[in-house]
């Protein structure tokens, strides 16, 4: 029997179908922060290479990282690191089978956001004080 047209395929759910929820947003941010950490690790590599290259190169990197823009990037990288860590802990809790109830999922998602912001601010206060 010959086909007369394209076969009807089921549509998979996607962002335009689902109503955004805090757990969805945190899941998406977890993926984004993972990618940001991949590229942001270049900042650490640059600092280590400069440190190994001598005091002049390291002084240049310190000047760049110590500027307002450098501190802003470092703040964003720190938040990405803490957010990804907190999201990983949240996923670990879920992997144990705990925290899967709707209310608990929401609390864990909000906790991820609050904890990551709190840890970032705490780390930056300690960085700026020292």
N, C-alpha and C. Protein backbone atom coordinates (compact mmCIF):
# COMPACT_ATOMS: atom_id res chain seq x y z
N UNK A 1 0.84 -1.17 0.00
CA UNK A 1 0.00 0.00 0.00
C UNK A 1 0.89 1.24 0.00
N UNK A 2 0.60 2.17 -0.86
CA UNK A 2 1.40 3.38 -0.99
C UNK A 2 0.93 4.45 -0.01
N UNK A 3 1.88 5.20 0.50
CA UNK A 3 1.55 6.32 1.38
C UNK A 3 1.08 7.51 0.56
N UNK A 4 0.14 8.23 1.09
CA UNK A 4 -0.36 9.39 0.35
C UNK A 4 0.21 10.70 0.90
N UNK A 5 0.84 10.67 2.04
CA UNK A 5 1.39 11.89 2.63
C UNK A 5 2.28 11.56 3.82
N UNK A 6 2.84 12.57 4.43
CA UNK A 6 3.72 12.30 5.57
C UNK A 6 2.93 11.70 6.74
N UNK A 7 3.57 10.83 7.46
CA UNK A 7 2.94 10.18 8.60
C UNK A 7 2.77 11.19 9.73
N UNK A 8 1.65 11.09 10.42
CA UNK A 8 1.44 11.95 11.58
C UNK A 8 2.34 11.47 12.71
N UNK A 9 3.12 12.38 13.26
CA UNK A 9 4.02 12.03 14.34
C UNK A 9 3.54 12.69 15.62
N UNK A 10 3.67 12.02 16.72
CA UNK A 10 3.27 12.64 17.99
C UNK A 10 4.21 13.79 18.33
N UNK A 11 3.67 14.83 18.91
CA UNK A 11 4.48 15.97 19.31
C UNK A 11 5.00 15.74 20.72
N UNK A 12 6.29 15.93 20.90
CA UNK A 12 6.87 15.82 22.22
C UNK A 12 6.62 17.12 22.97
N UNK A 13 6.39 17.05 24.26
CA UNK A 13 6.21 18.28 25.04
C UNK A 13 7.50 19.11 25.00
N UNK A 14 7.34 20.41 24.99
CA UNK A 14 8.49 21.33 24.97
C UNK A 14 8.13 22.58 25.75
N UNK A 15 9.01 23.54 25.78
CA UNK A 15 8.84 24.72 26.62
C UNK A 15 7.59 25.53 26.29
N UNK A 16 7.11 25.44 25.07
CA UNK A 16 5.91 26.20 24.72
C UNK A 16 4.64 25.52 25.22
N UNK A 17 4.73 24.25 25.60
CA UNK A 17 3.55 23.53 26.09
C UNK A 17 3.52 23.56 27.62
N UNK A 18 4.67 23.31 28.25
CA UNK A 18 4.72 23.28 29.71
C UNK A 18 4.60 24.69 30.29
N UNK A 19 3.89 24.81 31.39
CA UNK A 19 3.85 26.06 32.14
C UNK A 19 5.14 26.13 32.96
N UNK A 20 5.92 27.21 32.85
CA UNK A 20 7.18 27.29 33.58
C UNK A 20 6.96 27.17 35.09
N UNK A 21 7.82 26.39 35.73
CA UNK A 21 7.78 26.25 37.18
C UNK A 21 9.19 26.49 37.71
N UNK A 22 9.29 26.66 39.01
CA UNK A 22 10.61 26.93 39.61
C UNK A 22 11.54 25.75 39.40
N UNK A 23 11.03 24.52 39.44
CA UNK A 23 11.91 23.36 39.22
C UNK A 23 12.41 23.32 37.78
N UNK A 24 11.57 23.74 36.84
CA UNK A 24 12.00 23.79 35.44
C UNK A 24 13.08 24.84 35.25
N UNK A 25 12.88 26.00 35.83
CA UNK A 25 13.86 27.08 35.72
C UNK A 25 15.18 26.68 36.35
N UNK A 26 15.13 26.04 37.53
CA UNK A 26 16.36 25.60 38.19
C UNK A 26 17.07 24.52 37.39
N UNK A 27 16.32 23.65 36.74
CA UNK A 27 16.93 22.63 35.90
C UNK A 27 17.64 23.26 34.70
N UNK A 28 16.99 24.22 34.09
CA UNK A 28 17.60 24.91 32.95
C UNK A 28 18.84 25.68 33.41
N UNK A 29 18.74 26.37 34.56
CA UNK A 29 19.90 27.11 35.08
C UNK A 29 21.04 26.16 35.45
N UNK A 30 20.71 24.96 35.91
CA UNK A 30 21.75 23.98 36.24
C UNK A 30 22.55 23.64 34.99
N UNK A 31 21.87 23.46 33.88
CA UNK A 31 22.55 23.16 32.62
C UNK A 31 23.37 24.36 32.14
N UNK A 32 22.79 25.55 32.24
CA UNK A 32 23.50 26.76 31.80
C UNK A 32 24.74 27.00 32.65
N UNK A 33 24.61 26.84 33.98
CA UNK A 33 25.78 27.06 34.84
C UNK A 33 26.85 26.01 34.59
N UNK A 34 26.45 24.80 34.25
CA UNK A 34 27.44 23.78 33.91
C UNK A 34 28.26 24.19 32.69
N UNK A 35 27.58 24.71 31.68
CA UNK A 35 28.30 25.20 30.49
C UNK A 35 29.15 26.42 30.82
N UNK A 36 28.61 27.32 31.64
CA UNK A 36 29.38 28.52 32.03
C UNK A 36 30.63 28.14 32.80
N UNK A 37 30.52 27.12 33.66
CA UNK A 37 31.70 26.68 34.41
C UNK A 37 32.76 26.08 33.49
N UNK A 38 32.31 25.40 32.45
CA UNK A 38 33.26 24.85 31.48
C UNK A 38 34.10 25.96 30.87
N UNK A 39 33.43 27.01 30.41
CA UNK A 39 34.16 28.11 29.78
C UNK A 39 34.84 29.01 30.81
N UNK A 40 34.21 29.17 31.97
CA UNK A 40 34.80 30.01 33.01
C UNK A 40 36.06 29.44 33.61
N UNK A 41 36.25 28.13 33.48
CA UNK A 41 37.47 27.52 34.00
C UNK A 41 38.69 28.04 33.26
N UNK A 42 38.49 28.58 32.08
CA UNK A 42 39.59 29.22 31.37
C UNK A 42 40.18 30.37 32.18
N UNK A 43 39.35 31.04 32.98
CA UNK A 43 39.85 32.12 33.83
C UNK A 43 40.86 31.59 34.84
N UNK A 44 40.58 30.44 35.41
CA UNK A 44 41.50 29.81 36.34
C UNK A 44 42.78 29.38 35.62
N UNK A 45 42.64 28.82 34.44
CA UNK A 45 43.81 28.39 33.67
C UNK A 45 44.69 29.60 33.33
N UNK A 46 44.06 30.70 32.93
CA UNK A 46 44.82 31.91 32.61
C UNK A 46 45.60 32.38 33.83
N UNK A 47 44.97 32.38 35.00
CA UNK A 47 45.65 32.82 36.22
C UNK A 47 46.81 31.89 36.55
N UNK A 48 46.61 30.58 36.42
CA UNK A 48 47.68 29.63 36.73
C UNK A 48 48.84 29.74 35.75
N UNK A 49 48.54 29.92 34.48
CA UNK A 49 49.61 30.08 33.48
C UNK A 49 50.36 31.37 33.74
N UNK A 50 49.64 32.44 34.08
CA UNK A 50 50.30 33.71 34.39
C UNK A 50 51.17 33.57 35.62
N UNK A 51 50.69 32.86 36.63
CA UNK A 51 51.47 32.64 37.85
C UNK A 51 52.75 31.87 37.53
N UNK A 52 52.65 30.89 36.67
CA UNK A 52 53.82 30.10 36.29
C UNK A 52 54.77 30.89 35.39
N UNK A 53 54.25 31.91 34.71
CA UNK A 53 55.06 32.69 33.77
C UNK A 53 55.89 33.77 34.44
N UNK A 54 55.51 34.15 35.65
CA UNK A 54 56.29 35.17 36.34
C UNK A 54 55.43 36.27 36.92
N UNK A 55 56.09 37.12 37.71
CA UNK A 55 55.36 38.15 38.44
C UNK A 55 54.75 39.21 37.52
N UNK A 56 55.38 39.50 36.40
CA UNK A 56 54.84 40.51 35.49
C UNK A 56 53.51 40.03 34.87
N UNK A 57 53.51 38.80 34.37
CA UNK A 57 52.28 38.26 33.77
C UNK A 57 51.20 38.12 34.82
N UNK A 58 51.56 37.66 36.02
CA UNK A 58 50.55 37.49 37.07
C UNK A 58 50.02 38.84 37.54
N UNK A 59 50.88 39.86 37.56
CA UNK A 59 50.43 41.20 37.92
C UNK A 59 49.41 41.74 36.94
N UNK A 60 49.62 41.44 35.67
CA UNK A 60 48.66 41.86 34.64
C UNK A 60 47.31 41.19 34.85
N UNK A 61 47.34 39.88 35.12
CA UNK A 61 46.10 39.15 35.36
C UNK A 61 45.42 39.66 36.62
N UNK A 62 46.18 39.93 37.66
CA UNK A 62 45.60 40.47 38.90
C UNK A 62 44.94 41.82 38.65
N UNK A 63 45.56 42.64 37.82
CA UNK A 63 44.98 43.96 37.51
C UNK A 63 43.66 43.80 36.76
N UNK A 64 43.63 42.88 35.82
CA UNK A 64 42.39 42.65 35.05
C UNK A 64 41.32 42.07 35.94
N UNK A 65 41.65 41.03 36.70
CA UNK A 65 40.67 40.38 37.56
C UNK A 65 40.24 41.29 38.71
N UNK A 66 41.09 42.22 39.10
CA UNK A 66 40.77 43.14 40.19
C UNK A 66 39.98 44.36 39.76
N UNK A 67 39.80 44.55 38.45
CA UNK A 67 39.01 45.68 37.96
C UNK A 67 37.53 45.43 38.25
N UNK A 68 36.72 46.47 38.06
CA UNK A 68 35.28 46.32 38.30
C UNK A 68 34.70 45.22 37.41
N UNK A 69 35.04 45.26 36.12
CA UNK A 69 34.53 44.25 35.20
C UNK A 69 35.04 42.86 35.58
N UNK A 70 36.30 42.77 35.98
CA UNK A 70 36.86 41.49 36.40
C UNK A 70 36.15 40.94 37.62
N UNK A 71 35.86 41.81 38.58
CA UNK A 71 35.14 41.37 39.78
C UNK A 71 33.71 40.97 39.45
N UNK A 72 33.10 41.65 38.51
CA UNK A 72 31.75 41.31 38.08
C UNK A 72 31.73 39.91 37.44
N UNK A 73 32.71 39.64 36.59
CA UNK A 73 32.81 38.32 35.96
C UNK A 73 33.09 37.26 37.02
N UNK A 74 33.97 37.58 37.97
CA UNK A 74 34.28 36.64 39.05
C UNK A 74 33.05 36.37 39.91
N UNK A 75 32.24 37.40 40.14
CA UNK A 75 31.00 37.22 40.90
C UNK A 75 30.07 36.27 40.15
N UNK A 76 29.91 36.48 38.86
CA UNK A 76 29.06 35.60 38.04
C UNK A 76 29.58 34.18 38.01
N UNK A 77 30.90 34.03 37.89
CA UNK A 77 31.49 32.69 37.89
C UNK A 77 31.27 32.01 39.24
N UNK A 78 31.43 32.78 40.32
CA UNK A 78 31.22 32.23 41.66
C UNK A 78 29.78 31.79 41.84
N UNK A 79 28.84 32.62 41.38
CA UNK A 79 27.43 32.24 41.48
C UNK A 79 27.15 30.97 40.69
N UNK A 80 27.71 30.89 39.48
CA UNK A 80 27.51 29.69 38.65
C UNK A 80 28.05 28.46 39.37
N UNK A 81 29.21 28.61 40.02
CA UNK A 81 29.80 27.49 40.74
C UNK A 81 28.91 27.05 41.91
N UNK A 82 28.47 28.01 42.72
CA UNK A 82 27.63 27.68 43.87
C UNK A 82 26.25 27.16 43.42
N UNK A 83 25.70 27.76 42.38
CA UNK A 83 24.39 27.31 41.91
C UNK A 83 24.46 25.89 41.38
N UNK A 84 25.50 25.60 40.62
CA UNK A 84 25.66 24.26 40.08
C UNK A 84 25.87 23.25 41.20
N UNK A 85 26.63 23.65 42.22
CA UNK A 85 26.86 22.76 43.35
C UNK A 85 25.56 22.48 44.10
N UNK A 86 24.80 23.54 44.38
CA UNK A 86 23.52 23.36 45.10
C UNK A 86 22.54 22.56 44.26
N UNK A 87 22.52 22.80 42.95
CA UNK A 87 21.66 22.00 42.07
C UNK A 87 22.07 20.54 42.06
N UNK A 88 23.37 20.28 42.11
CA UNK A 88 23.85 18.91 42.17
C UNK A 88 23.43 18.22 43.46
N UNK A 89 23.48 18.96 44.56
CA UNK A 89 23.01 18.40 45.84
C UNK A 89 21.52 18.10 45.76
N UNK A 90 20.75 19.01 45.16
CA UNK A 90 19.30 18.81 45.01
C UNK A 90 19.04 17.55 44.18
N UNK A 91 19.78 17.37 43.10
CA UNK A 91 19.60 16.17 42.27
C UNK A 91 20.03 14.91 43.02
N UNK A 92 21.07 15.02 43.85
CA UNK A 92 21.49 13.88 44.64
C UNK A 92 20.40 13.46 45.62
N UNK A 93 19.77 14.45 46.25
CA UNK A 93 18.66 14.14 47.15
C UNK A 93 17.55 13.42 46.38
N UNK A 94 17.23 13.91 45.20
CA UNK A 94 16.21 13.26 44.38
C UNK A 94 16.61 11.84 43.99
N UNK A 95 17.91 11.65 43.72
CA UNK A 95 18.38 10.32 43.34
C UNK A 95 18.20 9.31 44.45
N UNK A 96 18.16 9.77 45.69
CA UNK A 96 17.92 8.84 46.81
C UNK A 96 16.45 8.49 46.94
N UNK A 97 15.61 9.17 46.18
CA UNK A 97 14.16 8.93 46.25
C UNK A 97 13.46 9.87 47.22
N UNK A 98 14.20 10.76 47.83
CA UNK A 98 13.62 11.71 48.79
C UNK A 98 13.30 13.02 48.08
N UNK A 99 12.41 13.79 48.66
CA UNK A 99 12.12 15.13 48.18
C UNK A 99 11.37 15.21 46.87
N UNK A 100 10.67 14.16 46.49
CA UNK A 100 9.98 14.15 45.21
C UNK A 100 8.54 14.65 45.29
N UNK A 101 8.04 14.88 46.50
CA UNK A 101 6.69 15.41 46.64
C UNK A 101 6.67 16.85 46.13
N UNK A 102 5.54 17.28 45.62
CA UNK A 102 5.44 18.59 44.99
C UNK A 102 5.94 19.72 45.90
N UNK A 103 5.46 19.77 47.12
CA UNK A 103 5.88 20.84 48.03
C UNK A 103 7.36 20.81 48.33
N UNK A 104 7.90 19.63 48.51
CA UNK A 104 9.33 19.49 48.80
C UNK A 104 10.17 19.86 47.59
N UNK A 105 9.71 19.46 46.40
CA UNK A 105 10.43 19.84 45.17
C UNK A 105 10.53 21.35 45.05
N UNK A 106 9.44 22.03 45.33
CA UNK A 106 9.43 23.49 45.23
C UNK A 106 10.37 24.11 46.26
N UNK A 107 10.33 23.59 47.48
CA UNK A 107 11.21 24.11 48.54
C UNK A 107 12.69 23.88 48.18
N UNK A 108 12.99 22.71 47.66
CA UNK A 108 14.38 22.43 47.26
C UNK A 108 14.83 23.35 46.13
N UNK A 109 13.93 23.61 45.18
CA UNK A 109 14.28 24.49 44.07
C UNK A 109 14.54 25.92 44.56
N UNK A 110 13.64 26.43 45.39
CA UNK A 110 13.85 27.77 45.95
C UNK A 110 15.09 27.79 46.84
N UNK A 111 15.31 26.70 47.58
CA UNK A 111 16.49 26.60 48.43
C UNK A 111 17.78 26.64 47.62
N UNK A 112 17.75 26.03 46.44
CA UNK A 112 18.91 26.07 45.55
C UNK A 112 19.24 27.51 45.17
N UNK A 113 18.22 28.26 44.82
CA UNK A 113 18.43 29.65 44.41
C UNK A 113 18.91 30.50 45.58
N UNK A 114 18.24 30.39 46.71
CA UNK A 114 18.59 31.20 47.89
C UNK A 114 19.98 30.83 48.39
N UNK A 115 20.28 29.54 48.47
CA UNK A 115 21.59 29.10 48.96
C UNK A 115 22.71 29.55 48.04
N UNK A 116 22.50 29.44 46.73
CA UNK A 116 23.56 29.84 45.79
C UNK A 116 23.82 31.34 45.86
N UNK A 117 22.76 32.13 45.97
CA UNK A 117 22.97 33.58 46.11
C UNK A 117 23.62 33.92 47.44
N UNK A 118 23.15 33.27 48.51
CA UNK A 118 23.73 33.52 49.83
C UNK A 118 25.20 33.15 49.90
N UNK A 119 25.55 31.98 49.38
CA UNK A 119 26.95 31.54 49.38
C UNK A 119 27.82 32.45 48.53
N UNK A 120 27.29 32.90 47.41
CA UNK A 120 28.06 33.81 46.54
C UNK A 120 28.32 35.13 47.25
N UNK A 121 27.29 35.68 47.87
CA UNK A 121 27.47 36.95 48.58
C UNK A 121 28.43 36.78 49.74
N UNK A 122 28.29 35.69 50.48
CA UNK A 122 29.19 35.42 51.60
C UNK A 122 30.64 35.29 51.13
N UNK A 123 30.86 34.56 50.06
CA UNK A 123 32.20 34.40 49.51
C UNK A 123 32.77 35.72 49.03
N UNK A 124 31.92 36.55 48.42
CA UNK A 124 32.42 37.81 47.90
C UNK A 124 32.70 38.81 49.01
N UNK A 125 31.90 38.78 50.07
CA UNK A 125 32.19 39.64 51.23
C UNK A 125 33.55 39.24 51.83
N UNK A 126 33.79 37.93 51.95
CA UNK A 126 35.06 37.45 52.47
C UNK A 126 36.21 37.82 51.52
N UNK A 127 35.98 37.75 50.21
CA UNK A 127 36.99 38.11 49.22
C UNK A 127 37.33 39.59 49.28
N UNK A 128 36.31 40.42 49.36
CA UNK A 128 36.55 41.87 49.39
C UNK A 128 37.14 42.32 50.72
N UNK A 129 36.84 41.61 51.81
CA UNK A 129 37.37 41.97 53.12
C UNK A 129 38.85 41.57 53.25
N UNK A 130 39.24 40.52 52.52
CA UNK A 130 40.59 40.00 52.65
C UNK A 130 41.48 40.55 51.63
